[in-house]
Amino acid sequence: MSEFTSDDVPRANGMPRLGLGTWENTDPDACANAVETALETGYRHIDTAQAYGNEESVGRGLANADVDREDVFLATKVWIDHADHDGVIESTEESLNKLGVDYLDLLYIHWPGRTYDPEETLSALEELKAEGTIKHIGVSNFERRHIEEAQEIMDEPIFANQVEMHPFLQQRQLRSFMDETDIELVAYSPLARGDVFGDDVLGDIAADHDASEAQVALAWLREKGVTAIPKATSADHIVDNWESLGVELSDAELRRIDAIDTAERRVDPGFAPWNALPDQ
């Protein structure tokens, strides 16, 4: 049993800075078990999406865990095929039904593409928040220009922007901009889809702490004030990521990781905004 509890996790405006990601966890039983295990371990932040095809399994894990719903920060994402005004409303209702909950703590727009229309999409999110269906409005894979546009359109604040971030994609420019706002940065693929294992810098630091490279990467993100949602299926990996709460990096170690000079994406679809022209 871990020595850490949910009270040991730093929070950002109520959102735990360490959560469980569920991307590609499509086996129904494995996904439900992972969510239940994470919650029983101490996690209180669960992240899913319509596109993951596992909201029902996530909901089953939530129901099976001996944790009150109001103690869990639950987030999902509207897929870009449903980002029109009515699609946002209708697909969110479907997500609630699949998850077996009455409200969402955070609802993201998954990508600023395809049916995403700033005026229509964002107005639907504001309606959902006004009626109490969602507590916070989020965006995902948004670049600075998309965030600034959204801020001009909406009266409600953007709570979080979820992007890929890890030691090999440090998002320096975006982080600099985000630091000027009140928007939380949430990192998906914080372990670079497993590529943190075997890295020399992370490995050396991990050895000094008797820790794993994953724990070092998660500790680095925490020091940057970034929320991490590592995907894990097995109990061992869920607990290993959780134990990152005990890793405290020195200033010198943080500088070594900061000095990793790469910008390598693991998630790079053709429709991503960085692959499109600014007016697209």
Protein backbone atom coordinates (compact mmCIF):
# COMPACT_ATOMS: atom_id res chain seq x y z
CA MET A 1 0.00 0.00 0.00
CA SER A 2 1.34 3.44 -0.88
CA GLU A 3 2.38 5.80 1.89
CA PHE A 4 0.80 8.62 -0.10
CA THR A 5 -2.87 9.56 -0.05
CA SER A 6 -5.05 11.77 -2.20
CA ASP A 7 -4.27 14.62 0.21
CA ASP A 8 -0.62 14.50 -0.89
CA VAL A 9 -1.45 15.46 -4.48
CA PRO A 10 -1.02 19.17 -5.24
CA ARG A 11 -4.14 20.79 -6.66
CA ALA A 12 -4.66 23.51 -9.21
CA ASN A 13 -7.97 25.32 -8.59
CA GLY A 14 -9.40 22.07 -7.27
CA MET A 15 -7.93 19.81 -9.98
CA PRO A 16 -5.45 17.18 -8.74
CA ARG A 17 -2.13 17.62 -10.56
CA LEU A 18 -1.74 13.86 -11.04
CA GLY A 19 -4.44 11.83 -12.75
CA LEU A 20 -5.06 8.62 -14.64
CA GLY A 21 -5.15 8.81 -18.43
CA THR A 22 -7.18 6.19 -20.31
CA TRP A 23 -6.22 6.75 -23.95
CA GLU A 24 -5.93 3.44 -25.84
CA ASN A 25 -7.26 1.53 -22.83
CA THR A 26 -10.02 -0.09 -24.87
CA ASP A 27 -10.35 -3.48 -23.20
CA PRO A 28 -13.55 -3.01 -21.14
CA ASP A 29 -12.50 -5.03 -18.11
CA ALA A 30 -8.91 -3.78 -18.10
CA CYS A 31 -10.06 -0.17 -18.33
CA ALA A 32 -12.65 -0.53 -15.56
CA ASN A 33 -10.12 -2.31 -13.36
CA ALA A 34 -7.49 0.38 -14.00
CA VAL A 35 -9.88 3.15 -12.98
CA GLU A 36 -10.96 1.26 -9.88
CA THR A 37 -7.36 0.46 -8.94
CA ALA A 38 -6.26 4.06 -9.45
CA LEU A 39 -9.04 5.41 -7.27
CA GLU A 40 -8.38 2.84 -4.56
CA THR A 41 -4.67 3.80 -4.72
CA GLY A 42 -5.47 7.45 -4.12
CA TYR A 43 -5.93 9.04 -7.54
CA ARG A 44 -8.79 11.52 -7.69
CA HIS A 45 -8.46 12.71 -11.29
CA ILE A 46 -9.66 10.52 -14.17
CA ASP A 47 -9.36 11.57 -17.82
CA THR A 48 -11.17 10.04 -20.79
CA ALA A 49 -12.67 11.14 -24.12
CA GLN A 50 -15.48 10.29 -26.48
CA ALA A 51 -12.94 9.18 -29.06
CA TYR A 52 -11.36 6.67 -26.68
CA GLY A 53 -14.45 4.46 -26.83
CA ASN A 54 -14.16 3.59 -23.15
CA GLU A 55 -16.47 5.98 -21.29
CA GLU A 56 -18.74 3.12 -20.22
CA SER A 57 -15.74 1.22 -18.84
CA VAL A 58 -14.48 4.31 -17.05
CA GLY A 59 -17.93 4.74 -15.56
CA ARG A 60 -17.93 1.13 -14.37
CA GLY A 61 -14.59 1.66 -12.66
CA LEU A 62 -15.92 4.78 -10.98
CA ALA A 63 -18.98 2.91 -9.75
CA ASN A 64 -16.94 -0.04 -8.47
CA ALA A 65 -14.46 2.05 -6.50
CA ASP A 66 -15.18 2.88 -2.88
CA VAL A 67 -14.82 6.61 -3.55
CA ASP A 68 -17.59 9.19 -3.55
CA ARG A 69 -18.35 10.76 -6.93
CA GLU A 70 -17.91 14.29 -5.57
CA ASP A 71 -14.35 13.42 -4.55
CA VAL A 72 -13.35 12.55 -8.14
CA PHE A 73 -12.31 15.13 -10.73
CA LEU A 74 -13.72 13.62 -13.93
CA ALA A 75 -12.89 14.92 -17.39
CA THR A 76 -13.88 13.89 -20.90
CA LYS A 77 -13.54 15.44 -24.34
CA VAL A 78 -15.91 16.23 -27.21
CA TRP A 79 -14.65 14.68 -30.43
CA ILE A 80 -14.24 16.95 -33.44
CA ASP A 81 -17.03 15.21 -35.36
CA HIS A 82 -19.47 16.54 -32.72
CA ALA A 83 -18.03 20.00 -32.12
CA ASP A 84 -20.94 21.90 -33.72
CA HIS A 85 -23.32 23.53 -31.23
CA ASP A 86 -25.95 20.78 -31.16
CA GLY A 87 -23.31 18.08 -31.40
CA VAL A 88 -21.61 19.34 -28.26
CA ILE A 89 -24.88 19.30 -26.33
CA GLU A 90 -26.05 15.92 -27.58
CA SER A 91 -22.72 14.11 -27.37
CA THR A 92 -22.10 15.42 -23.85
CA GLU A 93 -25.43 13.97 -22.75
CA GLU A 94 -24.35 10.65 -24.27
CA SER A 95 -21.05 10.87 -22.38
CA LEU A 96 -22.88 11.46 -19.10
CA ASN A 97 -25.06 8.42 -19.73
CA LYS A 98 -22.08 6.22 -20.57
CA LEU A 99 -20.11 7.42 -17.56
CA GLY A 100 -23.14 7.05 -15.30
CA VAL A 101 -22.75 10.53 -13.79
CA ASP A 102 -24.87 13.66 -13.52
CA TYR A 103 -22.13 16.17 -14.24
CA LEU A 104 -18.55 16.54 -15.46
CA ASP A 105 -15.85 18.41 -13.61
CA LEU A 106 -14.18 19.33 -16.89
CA LEU A 107 -15.25 19.09 -20.53
CA TYR A 108 -12.65 19.65 -23.23
CA ILE A 109 -12.95 20.30 -26.93
CA HIS A 110 -10.54 17.64 -28.17
CA TRP A 111 -9.05 19.50 -31.15
CA PRO A 112 -9.69 22.85 -32.86
CA GLY A 113 -10.60 21.22 -36.14
CA ARG A 114 -13.22 19.64 -38.40
CA THR A 115 -16.65 20.71 -37.06
CA TYR A 116 -15.12 23.06 -34.49
CA ASP A 117 -16.55 26.55 -34.94
CA PRO A 118 -15.42 29.00 -32.25
CA GLU A 119 -18.73 30.85 -31.93
CA GLU A 120 -21.02 27.80 -32.01
CA THR A 121 -18.80 25.36 -30.14
CA LEU A 122 -17.86 27.68 -27.32
CA SER A 123 -21.41 28.95 -26.84
CA ALA A 124 -22.53 25.35 -26.33
CA LEU A 125 -19.88 24.87 -23.65
CA GLU A 126 -21.04 28.02 -21.89
CA GLU A 127 -24.63 26.75 -21.94
CA LEU A 128 -23.55 23.44 -20.40
CA LYS A 129 -21.70 25.26 -17.66
CA ALA A 130 -24.60 27.62 -16.97
CA GLU A 131 -26.97 24.71 -16.42
CA GLY A 132 -24.50 22.87 -14.18
CA THR A 133 -23.81 19.97 -16.54
CA ILE A 134 -20.11 20.82 -16.47
CA LYS A 135 -18.12 22.67 -13.84
CA HIS A 136 -15.25 23.82 -16.04
CA ILE A 137 -14.60 24.49 -19.73
CA GLY A 138 -11.46 23.07 -21.27
CA VAL A 139 -9.69 22.97 -24.60
CA SER A 140 -7.15 20.50 -25.93
CA ASN A 141 -4.39 20.79 -28.49
CA PHE A 142 -5.05 24.53 -28.73
CA GLU A 143 -2.25 26.83 -29.76
CA ARG A 144 -1.93 30.40 -28.58
CA ARG A 145 -4.00 31.79 -31.44
CA HIS A 146 -6.90 29.45 -30.68
CA ILE A 147 -6.84 30.31 -26.98
CA GLU A 148 -6.78 34.05 -27.62
CA GLU A 149 -9.68 33.72 -30.06
CA ALA A 150 -11.69 31.68 -27.55
CA GLN A 151 -11.01 34.20 -24.79
CA GLU A 152 -12.36 36.99 -26.99
CA ILE A 153 -15.55 35.05 -27.70
CA MET A 154 -16.40 33.61 -24.28
CA ASP A 155 -17.51 35.31 -21.11
CA GLU A 156 -16.66 32.16 -19.14
CA PRO A 157 -12.97 31.43 -18.49
CA ILE A 158 -11.02 28.57 -20.02
CA PHE A 159 -9.98 26.33 -17.16
CA ALA A 160 -7.37 24.11 -18.84
CA ASN A 161 -5.57 23.37 -22.07
CA GLN A 162 -4.51 19.74 -22.50
CA VAL A 163 -1.52 19.17 -24.78
CA GLU A 164 1.22 16.64 -25.29
CA MET A 165 4.10 17.46 -22.97
CA HIS A 166 7.07 15.51 -21.63
CA PRO A 167 10.84 15.99 -21.33
CA PHE A 168 11.23 15.49 -25.10
CA LEU A 169 8.48 18.02 -25.96
CA GLN A 170 8.74 20.71 -23.32
CA GLN A 171 6.28 23.17 -24.91
CA ARG A 172 8.45 26.12 -23.88
CA GLN A 173 6.71 28.76 -26.01
CA LEU A 174 3.22 27.60 -25.10
CA ARG A 175 4.13 27.37 -21.41
CA SER A 176 5.49 30.91 -21.51
CA PHE A 177 2.19 32.14 -22.90
CA MET A 178 0.11 30.02 -20.53
CA ASP A 179 2.05 31.43 -17.57
CA GLU A 180 0.55 34.81 -18.49
CA THR A 181 -2.98 33.42 -18.17
CA ASP A 182 -4.99 31.69 -15.45
CA ILE A 183 -5.37 28.59 -17.64
CA GLU A 184 -4.03 25.31 -16.28
CA LEU A 185 -1.76 23.22 -18.48
CA VAL A 186 -2.50 19.49 -18.54
CA ALA A 187 0.04 17.11 -20.09
CA TYR A 188 -1.06 14.05 -22.01
CA SER A 189 1.49 11.40 -22.96
CA PRO A 190 3.69 12.69 -20.10
CA LEU A 191 5.87 9.59 -20.38
CA ALA A 192 6.36 10.10 -24.12
CA ARG A 193 4.51 6.84 -24.75
CA GLY A 194 7.19 4.93 -22.83
CA ASP A 195 10.20 6.63 -24.37
CA VAL A 196 11.26 8.08 -21.01
CA PHE A 197 12.53 4.61 -20.17
CA GLY A 198 16.11 4.20 -21.26
CA ASP A 199 16.85 7.90 -21.61
CA ASP A 200 20.33 8.59 -20.20
CA VAL A 201 19.51 11.84 -18.37
CA LEU A 202 16.30 10.56 -16.82
CA GLY A 203 17.95 7.23 -16.07
CA ASP A 204 20.86 8.81 -14.21
CA ILE A 205 18.54 10.97 -12.12
CA ALA A 206 16.22 8.03 -11.47
CA ALA A 207 19.13 5.92 -10.21
CA ASP A 208 20.13 8.65 -7.77
CA HIS A 209 16.60 8.65 -6.34
CA ASP A 210 16.05 4.89 -6.46
CA ALA A 211 13.11 5.72 -8.69
CA SER A 212 11.89 4.98 -12.20
CA GLU A 213 12.34 7.23 -15.21
CA ALA A 214 8.56 7.62 -15.25
CA GLN A 215 8.59 8.95 -11.72
CA VAL A 216 11.31 11.44 -12.61
CA ALA A 217 9.39 12.70 -15.66
CA LEU A 218 6.23 13.12 -13.60
CA ALA A 219 8.12 14.89 -10.82
CA TRP A 220 9.62 17.26 -13.42
CA LEU A 221 6.15 18.13 -14.73
CA ARG A 222 4.90 18.70 -11.20
CA GLU A 223 7.78 21.12 -10.57
CA LYS A 224 6.74 22.99 -13.72
CA GLY A 225 3.23 23.43 -12.31
CA VAL A 226 1.79 21.10 -14.97
CA THR A 227 -0.88 18.47 -14.36
CA ALA A 228 0.08 15.02 -15.68
CA ILE A 229 -2.35 12.27 -16.66
CA PRO A 230 -0.19 9.22 -17.45
CA LYS A 231 -2.00 6.28 -18.98
CA ALA A 232 -1.52 3.04 -17.07
CA THR A 233 -3.36 -0.26 -17.14
CA SER A 234 -1.56 -2.59 -14.75
CA ALA A 235 -1.64 -2.09 -11.00
CA ASP A 236 2.17 -1.98 -10.95
CA HIS A 237 2.33 0.93 -13.39
CA ILE A 238 -0.52 2.76 -11.68
CA VAL A 239 1.28 2.53 -8.34
CA ASP A 240 4.69 3.35 -9.85
CA ASN A 241 3.32 6.59 -11.31
CA TRP A 242 1.64 7.38 -8.01
CA GLU A 243 4.93 6.98 -6.17
CA SER A 244 6.31 9.90 -8.19
CA LEU A 245 4.79 12.01 -5.41
CA GLY A 246 7.81 11.06 -3.32
CA VAL A 247 10.41 12.22 -5.84
CA GLU A 248 11.81 15.67 -5.13
CA LEU A 249 14.18 16.94 -7.81
CA SER A 250 16.99 19.35 -7.07
CA ASP A 251 17.49 22.56 -9.04
CA ALA A 252 20.48 20.98 -10.76
CA GLU A 253 18.43 17.95 -11.78
CA LEU A 254 15.65 20.15 -13.09
CA ARG A 255 18.19 22.05 -15.17
CA ARG A 256 19.54 18.80 -16.63
CA ILE A 257 16.06 17.82 -17.78
CA ASP A 258 15.33 21.34 -19.01
CA ALA A 259 18.45 21.09 -21.16
CA ILE A 260 17.09 18.14 -23.16
CA ASP A 261 16.93 19.90 -26.50
CA THR A 262 14.37 18.02 -28.58
CA ALA A 263 10.84 18.71 -29.75
CA GLU A 264 9.54 15.28 -30.70
CA ARG A 265 5.80 14.69 -30.91
CA ARG A 266 4.33 11.25 -30.34
CA VAL A 267 0.84 12.45 -31.34
CA ASP A 268 0.85 14.21 -34.71
CA PRO A 269 -2.31 13.71 -36.83
CA GLY A 270 -2.60 15.49 -40.14
CA PHE A 271 -5.53 17.59 -38.89
CA ALA A 272 -3.53 18.94 -35.93
CA PRO A 273 -3.41 22.76 -35.86
CA TRP A 274 0.39 22.83 -36.14
CA ASN A 275 0.03 20.94 -39.44
CA ALA A 276 -2.54 23.39 -40.81
CA LEU A 277 -2.18 26.90 -42.16
CA PRO A 278 -3.12 29.65 -39.66
CA ASP A 279 -6.32 30.48 -41.56
CA GLN A 280 -7.52 26.89 -41.67
